[in-house]
Protein backbone atom coordinates (compact mmCIF):
# COMPACT_ATOMS: atom_id res chain seq x y z
CA UNK A 1 21.51 -18.00 -26.60
CA UNK A 2 19.52 -14.82 -27.93
CA UNK A 3 17.60 -12.43 -26.63
CA UNK A 4 14.75 -12.53 -25.77
CA UNK A 5 12.33 -9.41 -25.63
CA UNK A 6 9.64 -8.88 -23.37
CA UNK A 7 6.06 -5.89 -23.12
CA UNK A 8 3.73 -5.91 -20.27
CA UNK A 9 0.11 -4.42 -21.21
CA UNK A 10 -2.29 -3.97 -19.23
CA UNK A 11 -6.13 -4.30 -20.18
CA UNK A 12 -7.76 -0.93 -19.24
CA UNK A 13 -12.09 -1.05 -18.47
CA UNK A 14 -12.37 -4.13 -15.39
CA UNK A 15 -12.29 -3.73 -12.13
CA UNK A 16 -9.27 -6.71 -12.10
CA UNK A 17 -7.63 -6.30 -15.18
CA UNK A 18 -5.81 -8.33 -16.51
CA UNK A 19 -2.36 -7.92 -17.57
CA UNK A 20 -0.49 -9.45 -21.21
CA UNK A 21 2.98 -10.13 -21.31
CA UNK A 22 4.51 -10.63 -24.95
CA UNK A 23 7.80 -11.93 -24.97
CA UNK A 24 10.02 -13.07 -28.37
CA UNK A 25 13.27 -14.01 -28.95
CA UNK A 26 15.21 -11.52 -31.75
CA UNK A 27 16.94 -14.03 -33.74
CA UNK A 28 14.32 -16.42 -34.62
CA UNK A 29 11.75 -13.66 -34.71
CA UNK A 30 9.36 -16.22 -32.54
CA UNK A 31 6.37 -14.40 -30.24
CA UNK A 32 4.92 -16.03 -27.44
CA UNK A 33 1.65 -14.09 -24.83
CA UNK A 34 0.22 -14.95 -21.51
CA UNK A 35 -2.40 -13.79 -20.34
CA UNK A 36 -2.69 -13.31 -16.93
CA UNK A 37 -5.33 -12.91 -14.59
CA UNK A 38 -6.26 -12.30 -10.70
CA UNK A 39 -7.80 -15.34 -9.41
CA UNK A 40 -9.27 -14.83 -5.77
CA UNK A 41 -11.05 -18.23 -5.63
CA UNK A 42 -14.19 -15.86 -4.36
CA UNK A 43 -17.50 -15.84 -6.14
CA UNK A 44 -18.79 -13.03 -7.71
CA UNK A 45 -22.07 -13.17 -4.99
CA UNK A 46 -19.39 -13.44 -2.28
CA UNK A 47 -17.52 -9.92 -3.57
CA UNK A 48 -20.60 -8.53 -3.70
CA UNK A 49 -21.44 -9.32 -0.03
CA UNK A 50 -17.68 -8.20 0.69
CA UNK A 51 -18.60 -4.71 -0.90
CA UNK A 52 -21.42 -4.05 0.73
CA UNK A 53 -20.24 -4.73 3.84
CA UNK A 54 -16.88 -2.34 3.30
CA UNK A 55 -20.07 0.29 2.08
CA UNK A 56 -22.34 -0.31 5.44
CA UNK A 57 -19.08 0.14 7.88
CA UNK A 58 -17.19 2.85 5.99
CA UNK A 59 -17.86 5.40 8.37
CA UNK A 60 -16.86 3.31 11.33
CA UNK A 61 -13.70 2.73 9.59
CA UNK A 62 -13.15 5.93 8.88
CA UNK A 63 -13.94 6.87 12.75
CA UNK A 64 -11.18 3.86 13.50
CA UNK A 65 -8.72 5.33 10.67
CA UNK A 66 -8.98 9.14 12.38
CA UNK A 67 -8.13 7.76 16.28
CA UNK A 68 -5.72 5.45 14.71
CA UNK A 69 -3.90 8.38 12.77
CA UNK A 70 -4.12 10.99 15.91
CA UNK A 71 -2.34 8.23 18.50
CA UNK A 72 0.33 7.81 15.82
CA UNK A 73 1.11 11.81 15.32
CA UNK A 74 0.96 11.77 19.32
CA UNK A 75 3.43 8.58 19.90
CA UNK A 76 5.60 10.87 17.41
CA UNK A 77 5.03 14.37 18.97
CA UNK A 78 6.47 12.19 22.48
CA UNK A 79 9.18 10.59 20.79
CA UNK A 80 10.61 14.25 19.26
CA UNK A 81 10.14 15.52 23.26
CA UNK A 82 11.89 12.43 24.43
CA UNK A 83 14.97 13.32 21.76
CA UNK A 84 15.21 16.61 22.07
CA UNK A 85 15.05 16.39 26.02
CA UNK A 86 17.66 13.73 25.79
CA UNK A 87 19.97 15.40 23.07
CA UNK A 88 18.98 19.55 24.68
CA UNK A 89 18.36 18.14 28.75
CA UNK A 90 21.94 19.38 29.67
CA UNK A 91 21.93 22.68 28.02
CA UNK A 92 18.90 23.58 30.30
CA UNK A 93 19.32 24.83 33.51
CA UNK A 94 18.21 23.41 36.74
CA UNK A 95 16.39 25.88 38.00
CA UNK A 96 14.19 25.67 34.43
CA UNK A 97 14.36 22.28 34.84
CA UNK A 98 12.47 22.45 37.96
CA UNK A 99 9.65 24.19 36.54
């Protein structure tokens, strides 16, 4: 069994660049290539409609993202506070806990 070498090349300048896969067996010097392209099954019109729809809702998406990030940050802070209380709670005297 011979050694097979491979090489990938991504073609630039396209929205969905195809990938070229070159492969060959060193002992026979035979080479083959395969062109791999994305295929979503959508027409160009459908893709353009989706792009326009995304542009129309970009502001809403940014606001929603900001809310989600704020919620995630708050959850993280709550988790850290609970962990600190659990880990260090016995080191705080009763009079401080009561406040």
